Full PDB file with SEQRES, HELIX, SHEET, SSBOND, CRYST1, ORIGX, SCALE, CONECT and MASTER records, all heavy atoms in Angstrom:
SEQRES   1 A   30  ALA GLY HIS VAL PRO ALA ILE VAL SER GLY LEU TRP ASP          
SEQRES   2 A   30  ARG TYR SER TYR ARG PRO ARG GLU ALA GLU TRP LEU THR          
SEQRES   3 A   30  VAL LEU ILE GLN                                              
HELIX    1 AA1 VAL A    4  TYR A   15  1                                  12    
CRYST1    1.000    1.000    1.000  90.00  90.00  90.00 P 1           1          
ORIGX1      1.000000  0.000000  0.000000        0.00000                         
ORIGX2      0.000000  1.000000  0.000000        0.00000                         
ORIGX3      0.000000  0.000000  1.000000        0.00000                         
SCALE1      1.000000  0.000000  0.000000        0.00000                         
SCALE2      0.000000  1.000000  0.000000        0.00000                         
SCALE3      0.000000  0.000000  1.000000        0.00000                         
ATOM      1  N   ALA A   1       0.819  -1.206  -0.009  1.00  0.00           N  
ATOM      2  CA  ALA A   1      -0.003   0.002  -0.005  1.00  0.00           C  
ATOM      3  C   ALA A   1       0.850   1.269   0.001  1.00  0.00           C  
ATOM      4  O   ALA A   1       0.447   2.297  -0.555  1.00  0.00           O  
ATOM      5  CB  ALA A   1      -0.927  -0.002   1.213  1.00  0.00           C  
ATOM      6  N   GLY A   2       2.049   1.198   0.586  1.00  0.00           N  
ATOM      7  CA  GLY A   2       2.915   2.387   0.611  1.00  0.00           C  
ATOM      8  C   GLY A   2       3.389   2.832  -0.756  1.00  0.00           C  
ATOM      9  O   GLY A   2       3.832   3.961  -0.927  1.00  0.00           O  
ATOM     10  N   HIS A   3       3.339   1.925  -1.732  1.00  0.00           N  
ATOM     11  CA  HIS A   3       3.774   2.260  -3.091  1.00  0.00           C  
ATOM     12  C   HIS A   3       2.642   2.884  -3.932  1.00  0.00           C  
ATOM     13  O   HIS A   3       2.907   3.421  -4.988  1.00  0.00           O  
ATOM     14  CB  HIS A   3       4.256   0.989  -3.808  1.00  0.00           C  
ATOM     15  CG  HIS A   3       5.484   0.385  -3.217  1.00  0.00           C  
ATOM     16  ND1 HIS A   3       6.761   0.764  -3.520  1.00  0.00           N  
ATOM     17  CD2 HIS A   3       5.600  -0.616  -2.289  1.00  0.00           C  
ATOM     18  CE1 HIS A   3       7.626   0.046  -2.854  1.00  0.00           C  
ATOM     19  NE2 HIS A   3       6.955  -0.806  -2.088  1.00  0.00           N  
ATOM     20  N   VAL A   4       1.420   2.784  -3.463  1.00  0.00           N  
ATOM     21  CA  VAL A   4       0.274   3.168  -4.286  1.00  0.00           C  
ATOM     22  C   VAL A   4       0.262   4.635  -4.677  1.00  0.00           C  
ATOM     23  O   VAL A   4      -0.039   4.972  -5.831  1.00  0.00           O  
ATOM     24  CB  VAL A   4      -1.036   2.758  -3.606  1.00  0.00           C  
ATOM     25  CG1 VAL A   4      -2.263   3.364  -4.302  1.00  0.00           C  
ATOM     26  CG2 VAL A   4      -1.162   1.233  -3.579  1.00  0.00           C  
ATOM     27  N   PRO A   5       0.590   5.600  -3.784  1.00  0.00           N  
ATOM     28  CA  PRO A   5       0.611   7.001  -4.260  1.00  0.00           C  
ATOM     29  C   PRO A   5       1.535   7.218  -5.429  1.00  0.00           C  
ATOM     30  O   PRO A   5       1.192   7.950  -6.360  1.00  0.00           O  
ATOM     31  CB  PRO A   5       1.093   7.750  -2.985  1.00  0.00           C  
ATOM     32  CG  PRO A   5       0.631   6.921  -1.852  1.00  0.00           C  
ATOM     33  CD  PRO A   5       0.817   5.506  -2.308  1.00  0.00           C  
ATOM     34  N   ALA A   6       2.701   6.572  -5.412  1.00  0.00           N  
ATOM     35  CA  ALA A   6       3.639   6.723  -6.534  1.00  0.00           C  
ATOM     36  C   ALA A   6       3.079   6.082  -7.786  1.00  0.00           C  
ATOM     37  O   ALA A   6       3.274   6.601  -8.916  1.00  0.00           O  
ATOM     38  CB  ALA A   6       4.993   6.115  -6.156  1.00  0.00           C  
ATOM     39  N   ILE A   7       2.404   4.938  -7.632  1.00  0.00           N  
ATOM     40  CA  ILE A   7       1.823   4.253  -8.807  1.00  0.00           C  
ATOM     41  C   ILE A   7       0.754   5.107  -9.443  1.00  0.00           C  
ATOM     42  O   ILE A   7       0.747   5.349 -10.668  1.00  0.00           O  
ATOM     43  CB  ILE A   7       1.222   2.901  -8.379  1.00  0.00           C  
ATOM     44  CG1 ILE A   7       2.308   1.962  -7.844  1.00  0.00           C  
ATOM     45  CG2 ILE A   7       0.497   2.248  -9.574  1.00  0.00           C  
ATOM     46  CD1 ILE A   7       1.735   0.702  -7.195  1.00  0.00           C  
ATOM     47  N   VAL A   8      -0.155   5.612  -8.623  1.00  0.00           N  
ATOM     48  CA  VAL A   8      -1.282   6.418  -9.140  1.00  0.00           C  
ATOM     49  C   VAL A   8      -0.778   7.721  -9.799  1.00  0.00           C  
ATOM     50  O   VAL A   8      -1.171   8.045 -10.925  1.00  0.00           O  
ATOM     51  CB  VAL A   8      -2.294   6.717  -8.012  1.00  0.00           C  
ATOM     52  CG1 VAL A   8      -3.369   7.691  -8.516  1.00  0.00           C  
ATOM     53  CG2 VAL A   8      -2.942   5.420  -7.530  1.00  0.00           C  
ATOM     54  N   SER A   9       0.079   8.438  -9.102  1.00  0.00           N  
ATOM     55  CA  SER A   9       0.563   9.698  -9.659  1.00  0.00           C  
ATOM     56  C   SER A   9       1.421   9.458 -10.906  1.00  0.00           C  
ATOM     57  O   SER A   9       1.353  10.244 -11.848  1.00  0.00           O  
ATOM     58  CB  SER A   9       1.362  10.480  -8.606  1.00  0.00           C  
ATOM     59  OG  SER A   9       2.509   9.772  -8.185  1.00  0.00           O  
ATOM     60  N   GLY A  10       2.192   8.365 -10.893  1.00  0.00           N  
ATOM     61  CA  GLY A  10       3.018   8.086 -12.059  1.00  0.00           C  
ATOM     62  C   GLY A  10       2.189   7.729 -13.288  1.00  0.00           C  
ATOM     63  O   GLY A  10       2.460   8.246 -14.395  1.00  0.00           O  
ATOM     64  N   LEU A  11       1.193   6.860 -13.130  1.00  0.00           N  
ATOM     65  CA  LEU A  11       0.341   6.513 -14.269  1.00  0.00           C  
ATOM     66  C   LEU A  11      -0.466   7.716 -14.744  1.00  0.00           C  
ATOM     67  O   LEU A  11      -0.734   7.883 -15.947  1.00  0.00           O  
ATOM     68  CB  LEU A  11      -0.607   5.374 -13.874  1.00  0.00           C  
ATOM     69  CG  LEU A  11       0.018   3.980 -13.732  1.00  0.00           C  
ATOM     70  CD1 LEU A  11      -1.022   2.995 -13.216  1.00  0.00           C  
ATOM     71  CD2 LEU A  11       0.583   3.495 -15.061  1.00  0.00           C  
ATOM     72  N   TRP A  12      -0.862   8.578 -13.811  1.00  0.00           N  
ATOM     73  CA  TRP A  12      -1.627   9.752 -14.172  1.00  0.00           C  
ATOM     74  C   TRP A  12      -0.767  10.771 -14.905  1.00  0.00           C  
ATOM     75  O   TRP A  12      -1.102  11.234 -16.003  1.00  0.00           O  
ATOM     76  CB  TRP A  12      -2.187  10.375 -12.885  1.00  0.00           C  
ATOM     77  CG  TRP A  12      -3.193  11.462 -13.086  1.00  0.00           C  
ATOM     78  CD1 TRP A  12      -3.179  12.457 -14.010  1.00  0.00           C  
ATOM     79  CD2 TRP A  12      -4.372  11.664 -12.303  1.00  0.00           C  
ATOM     80  NE1 TRP A  12      -4.280  13.276 -13.880  1.00  0.00           N  
ATOM     81  CE2 TRP A  12      -5.026  12.824 -12.824  1.00  0.00           C  
ATOM     82  CE3 TRP A  12      -4.925  11.026 -11.198  1.00  0.00           C  
ATOM     83  CZ2 TRP A  12      -6.205  13.307 -12.280  1.00  0.00           C  
ATOM     84  CZ3 TRP A  12      -6.112  11.537 -10.665  1.00  0.00           C  
ATOM     85  CH2 TRP A  12      -6.730  12.651 -11.199  1.00  0.00           C  
ATOM     86  N   ASP A  13       0.392  11.125 -14.324  1.00  0.00           N  
ATOM     87  CA  ASP A  13       1.217  12.172 -14.908  1.00  0.00           C  
ATOM     88  C   ASP A  13       1.905  11.746 -16.206  1.00  0.00           C  
ATOM     89  O   ASP A  13       2.027  12.531 -17.142  1.00  0.00           O  
ATOM     90  CB  ASP A  13       2.284  12.608 -13.893  1.00  0.00           C  
ATOM     91  CG  ASP A  13       1.679  13.263 -12.657  1.00  0.00           C  
ATOM     92  OD1 ASP A  13       0.534  13.723 -12.748  1.00  0.00           O  
ATOM     93  OD2 ASP A  13       2.352  13.287 -11.594  1.00  0.00           O  
ATOM     94  N   ARG A  14       2.372  10.498 -16.235  1.00  0.00           N  
ATOM     95  CA  ARG A  14       3.141  10.054 -17.404  1.00  0.00           C  
ATOM     96  C   ARG A  14       2.269   9.634 -18.578  1.00  0.00           C  
ATOM     97  O   ARG A  14       2.608   9.887 -19.740  1.00  0.00           O  
ATOM     98  CB  ARG A  14       4.031   8.871 -17.020  1.00  0.00           C  
ATOM     99  CG  ARG A  14       5.129   9.176 -16.014  1.00  0.00           C  
ATOM    100  CD  ARG A  14       6.017   7.948 -15.845  1.00  0.00           C  
ATOM    101  NE  ARG A  14       7.037   8.114 -14.831  1.00  0.00           N  
ATOM    102  CZ  ARG A  14       8.029   7.261 -14.613  1.00  0.00           C  
ATOM    103  NH1 ARG A  14       8.110   6.181 -15.376  1.00  0.00           N  
ATOM    104  NH2 ARG A  14       8.929   7.474 -13.679  1.00  0.00           N  
ATOM    105  N   TYR A  15       1.155   8.928 -18.268  1.00  0.00           N  
ATOM    106  CA  TYR A  15       0.413   8.281 -19.346  1.00  0.00           C  
ATOM    107  C   TYR A  15      -1.086   8.623 -19.352  1.00  0.00           C  
ATOM    108  O   TYR A  15      -1.841   8.056 -20.128  1.00  0.00           O  
ATOM    109  CB  TYR A  15       0.576   6.756 -19.232  1.00  0.00           C  
ATOM    110  CG  TYR A  15       2.018   6.342 -19.051  1.00  0.00           C  
ATOM    111  CD1 TYR A  15       2.467   5.791 -17.854  1.00  0.00           C  
ATOM    112  CD2 TYR A  15       2.947   6.536 -20.071  1.00  0.00           C  
ATOM    113  CE1 TYR A  15       3.800   5.429 -17.685  1.00  0.00           C  
ATOM    114  CE2 TYR A  15       4.277   6.188 -19.913  1.00  0.00           C  
ATOM    115  CZ  TYR A  15       4.689   5.629 -18.702  1.00  0.00           C  
ATOM    116  OH  TYR A  15       6.015   5.292 -18.519  1.00  0.00           O  
ATOM    117  N   SER A  16      -1.528   9.514 -18.485  1.00  0.00           N  
ATOM    118  CA  SER A  16      -2.916   9.998 -18.450  1.00  0.00           C  
ATOM    119  C   SER A  16      -3.938   8.926 -18.075  1.00  0.00           C  
ATOM    120  O   SER A  16      -5.096   9.005 -18.480  1.00  0.00           O  
ATOM    121  CB  SER A  16      -3.295  10.610 -19.803  1.00  0.00           C  
ATOM    122  OG  SER A  16      -2.439  11.711 -20.102  1.00  0.00           O  
ATOM    123  N   TYR A  17      -3.524   7.934 -17.290  1.00  0.00           N  
ATOM    124  CA  TYR A  17      -4.487   6.979 -16.738  1.00  0.00           C  
ATOM    125  C   TYR A  17      -5.144   7.621 -15.523  1.00  0.00           C  
ATOM    126  O   TYR A  17      -4.483   8.298 -14.725  1.00  0.00           O  
ATOM    127  CB  TYR A  17      -3.828   5.670 -16.342  1.00  0.00           C  
ATOM    128  CG  TYR A  17      -3.505   4.790 -17.524  1.00  0.00           C  
ATOM    129  CD1 TYR A  17      -2.303   4.942 -18.233  1.00  0.00           C  
ATOM    130  CD2 TYR A  17      -4.396   3.792 -17.946  1.00  0.00           C  
ATOM    131  CE1 TYR A  17      -2.005   4.138 -19.330  1.00  0.00           C  
ATOM    132  CE2 TYR A  17      -4.114   2.982 -19.040  1.00  0.00           C  
ATOM    133  CZ  TYR A  17      -2.919   3.170 -19.710  1.00  0.00           C  
ATOM    134  OH  TYR A  17      -2.627   2.371 -20.811  1.00  0.00           O  
ATOM    135  N   ARG A  18      -6.451   7.401 -15.374  1.00  0.00           N  
ATOM    136  CA  ARG A  18      -7.212   8.019 -14.289  1.00  0.00           C  
ATOM    137  C   ARG A  18      -7.939   6.937 -13.498  1.00  0.00           C  
ATOM    138  O   ARG A  18      -8.401   5.933 -14.054  1.00  0.00           O  
ATOM    139  CB  ARG A  18      -8.262   9.010 -14.837  1.00  0.00           C  
ATOM    140  CG  ARG A  18      -7.669  10.153 -15.641  1.00  0.00           C  
ATOM    141  CD  ARG A  18      -6.953  11.156 -14.739  1.00  0.00           C  
ATOM    142  NE  ARG A  18      -6.563  12.362 -15.458  1.00  0.00           N  
ATOM    143  CZ  ARG A  18      -5.387  12.546 -16.016  1.00  0.00           C  
ATOM    144  NH1 ARG A  18      -4.483  11.575 -15.996  1.00  0.00           N  
ATOM    145  NH2 ARG A  18      -5.092  13.690 -16.628  1.00  0.00           N  
ATOM    146  N   PRO A  19      -8.122   7.130 -12.199  1.00  0.00           N  
ATOM    147  CA  PRO A  19      -8.953   6.205 -11.434  1.00  0.00           C  
ATOM    148  C   PRO A  19     -10.383   6.292 -11.907  1.00  0.00           C  
ATOM    149  O   PRO A  19     -10.958   7.383 -12.003  1.00  0.00           O  
ATOM    150  CB  PRO A  19      -8.820   6.736  -9.972  1.00  0.00           C  
ATOM    151  CG  PRO A  19      -7.576   7.558  -9.966  1.00  0.00           C  
ATOM    152  CD  PRO A  19      -7.480   8.167 -11.329  1.00  0.00           C  
ATOM    153  N   ARG A  20     -11.003   5.156 -12.227  1.00  0.00           N  
ATOM    154  CA  ARG A  20     -12.371   5.127 -12.742  1.00  0.00           C  
ATOM    155  C   ARG A  20     -13.339   4.451 -11.785  1.00  0.00           C  
ATOM    156  O   ARG A  20     -14.506   4.764 -11.758  1.00  0.00           O  
ATOM    157  CB  ARG A  20     -12.403   4.397 -14.101  1.00  0.00           C  
ATOM    158  CG  ARG A  20     -11.487   5.026 -15.163  1.00  0.00           C  
ATOM    159  CD  ARG A  20     -11.862   6.449 -15.467  1.00  0.00           C  
ATOM    160  NE  ARG A  20     -11.080   6.957 -16.596  1.00  0.00           N  
ATOM    161  CZ  ARG A  20     -11.126   8.212 -17.015  1.00  0.00           C  
ATOM    162  NH1 ARG A  20     -11.888   9.101 -16.393  1.00  0.00           N  
ATOM    163  NH2 ARG A  20     -10.390   8.609 -18.044  1.00  0.00           N  
ATOM    164  N   GLU A  21     -12.866   3.480 -11.032  1.00  0.00           N  
ATOM    165  CA  GLU A  21     -13.727   2.813 -10.056  1.00  0.00           C  
ATOM    166  C   GLU A  21     -12.851   2.152  -9.005  1.00  0.00           C  
ATOM    167  O   GLU A  21     -11.632   1.969  -9.199  1.00  0.00           O  
ATOM    168  CB  GLU A  21     -14.605   1.762 -10.739  1.00  0.00           C  
ATOM    169  CG  GLU A  21     -13.841   0.665 -11.453  1.00  0.00           C  
ATOM    170  CD  GLU A  21     -14.771  -0.306 -12.169  1.00  0.00           C  
ATOM    171  OE1 GLU A  21     -15.316  -1.178 -11.461  1.00  0.00           O  
ATOM    172  OE2 GLU A  21     -14.983  -0.149 -13.385  1.00  0.00           O  
ATOM    173  N   ALA A  22     -13.475   1.807  -7.868  1.00  0.00           N  
ATOM    174  CA  ALA A  22     -12.720   1.215  -6.768  1.00  0.00           C  
ATOM    175  C   ALA A  22     -13.642   0.273  -5.976  1.00  0.00           C  
ATOM    176  O   ALA A  22     -14.871   0.378  -6.030  1.00  0.00           O  
ATOM    177  CB  ALA A  22     -12.173   2.305  -5.841  1.00  0.00           C  
ATOM    178  N   GLU A  23     -13.007  -0.613  -5.264  1.00  0.00           N  
ATOM    179  CA  GLU A  23     -13.742  -1.594  -4.432  1.00  0.00           C  
ATOM    180  C   GLU A  23     -12.984  -1.772  -3.131  1.00  0.00           C  
ATOM    181  O   GLU A  23     -11.771  -1.903  -3.120  1.00  0.00           O  
ATOM    182  CB  GLU A  23     -13.839  -2.928  -5.167  1.00  0.00           C  
ATOM    183  CG  GLU A  23     -14.549  -4.028  -4.390  1.00  0.00           C  
ATOM    184  CD  GLU A  23     -14.539  -5.350  -5.132  1.00  0.00           C  
ATOM    185  OE1 GLU A  23     -13.879  -5.438  -6.188  1.00  0.00           O  
ATOM    186  OE2 GLU A  23     -15.161  -6.302  -4.638  1.00  0.00           O  
ATOM    187  N   TRP A  24     -13.740  -1.790  -2.026  1.00  0.00           N  
ATOM    188  CA  TRP A  24     -13.127  -2.003  -0.708  1.00  0.00           C  
ATOM    189  C   TRP A  24     -13.065  -3.492  -0.379  1.00  0.00           C  
ATOM    190  O   TRP A  24     -14.012  -4.232  -0.631  1.00  0.00           O  
ATOM    191  CB  TRP A  24     -13.957  -1.318   0.384  1.00  0.00           C  
ATOM    192  CG  TRP A  24     -13.819   0.191   0.410  1.00  0.00           C  
ATOM    193  CD1 TRP A  24     -14.687   1.085  -0.150  1.00  0.00           C  
ATOM    194  CD2 TRP A  24     -12.785   0.959   0.979  1.00  0.00           C  
ATOM    195  NE1 TRP A  24     -14.238   2.354   0.051  1.00  0.00           N  
ATOM    196  CE2 TRP A  24     -13.086   2.332   0.755  1.00  0.00           C  
ATOM    197  CE3 TRP A  24     -11.607   0.614   1.686  1.00  0.00           C  
ATOM    198  CZ2 TRP A  24     -12.239   3.339   1.202  1.00  0.00           C  
ATOM    199  CZ3 TRP A  24     -10.784   1.636   2.127  1.00  0.00           C  
ATOM    200  CH2 TRP A  24     -11.106   2.984   1.876  1.00  0.00           C  
ATOM    201  N   LEU A  25     -11.926  -3.920   0.193  1.00  0.00           N  
ATOM    202  CA  LEU A  25     -11.781  -5.253   0.750  1.00  0.00           C  
ATOM    203  C   LEU A  25     -11.395  -5.130   2.210  1.00  0.00           C  
ATOM    204  O   LEU A  25     -10.606  -4.253   2.575  1.00  0.00           O  
ATOM    205  CB  LEU A  25     -10.719  -6.053  -0.010  1.00  0.00           C  
ATOM    206  CG  LEU A  25     -11.000  -6.415  -1.464  1.00  0.00           C  
ATOM    207  CD1 LEU A  25      -9.837  -7.205  -2.040  1.00  0.00           C  
ATOM    208  CD2 LEU A  25     -12.284  -7.219  -1.615  1.00  0.00           C  
ATOM    209  N   THR A  26     -11.893  -6.028   3.027  1.00  0.00           N  
ATOM    210  CA  THR A  26     -11.556  -6.011   4.451  1.00  0.00           C  
ATOM    211  C   THR A  26     -10.222  -6.719   4.668  1.00  0.00           C  
ATOM    212  O   THR A  26     -10.078  -7.895   4.348  1.00  0.00           O  
ATOM    213  CB  THR A  26     -12.666  -6.703   5.295  1.00  0.00           C  
ATOM    214  OG1 THR A  26     -13.896  -6.006   5.078  1.00  0.00           O  
ATOM    215  CG2 THR A  26     -12.300  -6.710   6.765  1.00  0.00           C  
ATOM    216  N   VAL A  27      -9.276  -5.993   5.265  1.00  0.00           N  
ATOM    217  CA  VAL A  27      -7.933  -6.536   5.474  1.00  0.00           C  
ATOM    218  C   VAL A  27      -7.888  -7.350   6.769  1.00  0.00           C  
ATOM    219  O   VAL A  27      -7.239  -8.390   6.831  1.00  0.00           O  
ATOM    220  CB  VAL A  27      -6.915  -5.389   5.566  1.00  0.00           C  
ATOM    221  CG1 VAL A  27      -5.552  -5.902   5.985  1.00  0.00           C  
ATOM    222  CG2 VAL A  27      -6.835  -4.687   4.229  1.00  0.00           C  
ATOM    223  N   LEU A  28      -8.592  -6.899   7.800  1.00  0.00           N  
ATOM    224  CA  LEU A  28      -8.500  -7.540   9.096  1.00  0.00           C  
ATOM    225  C   LEU A  28      -9.825  -7.438   9.827  1.00  0.00           C  
ATOM    226  O   LEU A  28     -10.460  -6.371   9.810  1.00  0.00           O  
ATOM    227  CB  LEU A  28      -7.403  -6.845   9.925  1.00  0.00           C  
ATOM    228  CG  LEU A  28      -7.277  -7.270  11.370  1.00  0.00           C  
ATOM    229  CD1 LEU A  28      -6.686  -8.680  11.445  1.00  0.00           C  
ATOM    230  CD2 LEU A  28      -6.403  -6.319  12.158  1.00  0.00           C  
ATOM    231  N   ILE A  29     -10.220  -8.533  10.442  1.00  0.00           N  
ATOM    232  CA  ILE A  29     -11.381  -8.532  11.313  1.00  0.00           C  
ATOM    233  C   ILE A  29     -10.916  -8.817  12.724  1.00  0.00           C  
ATOM    234  O   ILE A  29     -10.365  -9.880  13.014  1.00  0.00           O  
ATOM    235  CB  ILE A  29     -12.401  -9.615  10.884  1.00  0.00           C  
ATOM    236  CG1 ILE A  29     -12.889  -9.348   9.441  1.00  0.00           C  
ATOM    237  CG2 ILE A  29     -13.595  -9.638  11.845  1.00  0.00           C  
ATOM    238  CD1 ILE A  29     -13.804 -10.410   8.913  1.00  0.00           C  
ATOM    239  N   GLN A  30     -11.059  -7.821  13.605  1.00  0.00           N  
ATOM    240  CA  GLN A  30     -10.599  -7.989  14.977  1.00  0.00           C  
ATOM    241  C   GLN A  30     -11.731  -8.452  15.881  1.00  0.00           C  
ATOM    242  O   GLN A  30     -12.874  -7.992  15.762  1.00  0.00           O  
ATOM    243  CB  GLN A  30     -10.027  -6.656  15.481  1.00  0.00           C  
ATOM    244  CG  GLN A  30      -8.727  -6.255  14.837  1.00  0.00           C  
ATOM    245  CD  GLN A  30      -8.121  -5.039  15.470  1.00  0.00           C  
ATOM    246  OE1 GLN A  30      -8.205  -3.929  14.960  1.00  0.00           O  
ATOM    247  NE2 GLN A  30      -7.557  -5.253  16.650  1.00  0.00           N  
TER     248      GLN A  30                                                      
MASTER        0    0    0    1    0    0    0    6  247    1    0    3          
END                                                                             
């Protein structure tokens, strides 16, 4: 997850890819 900001900004700035949809997944149930 720590790499995601660089991935998103890189794809956006370099190649004009944009976030179009998202889905939540549960990582941990305490």
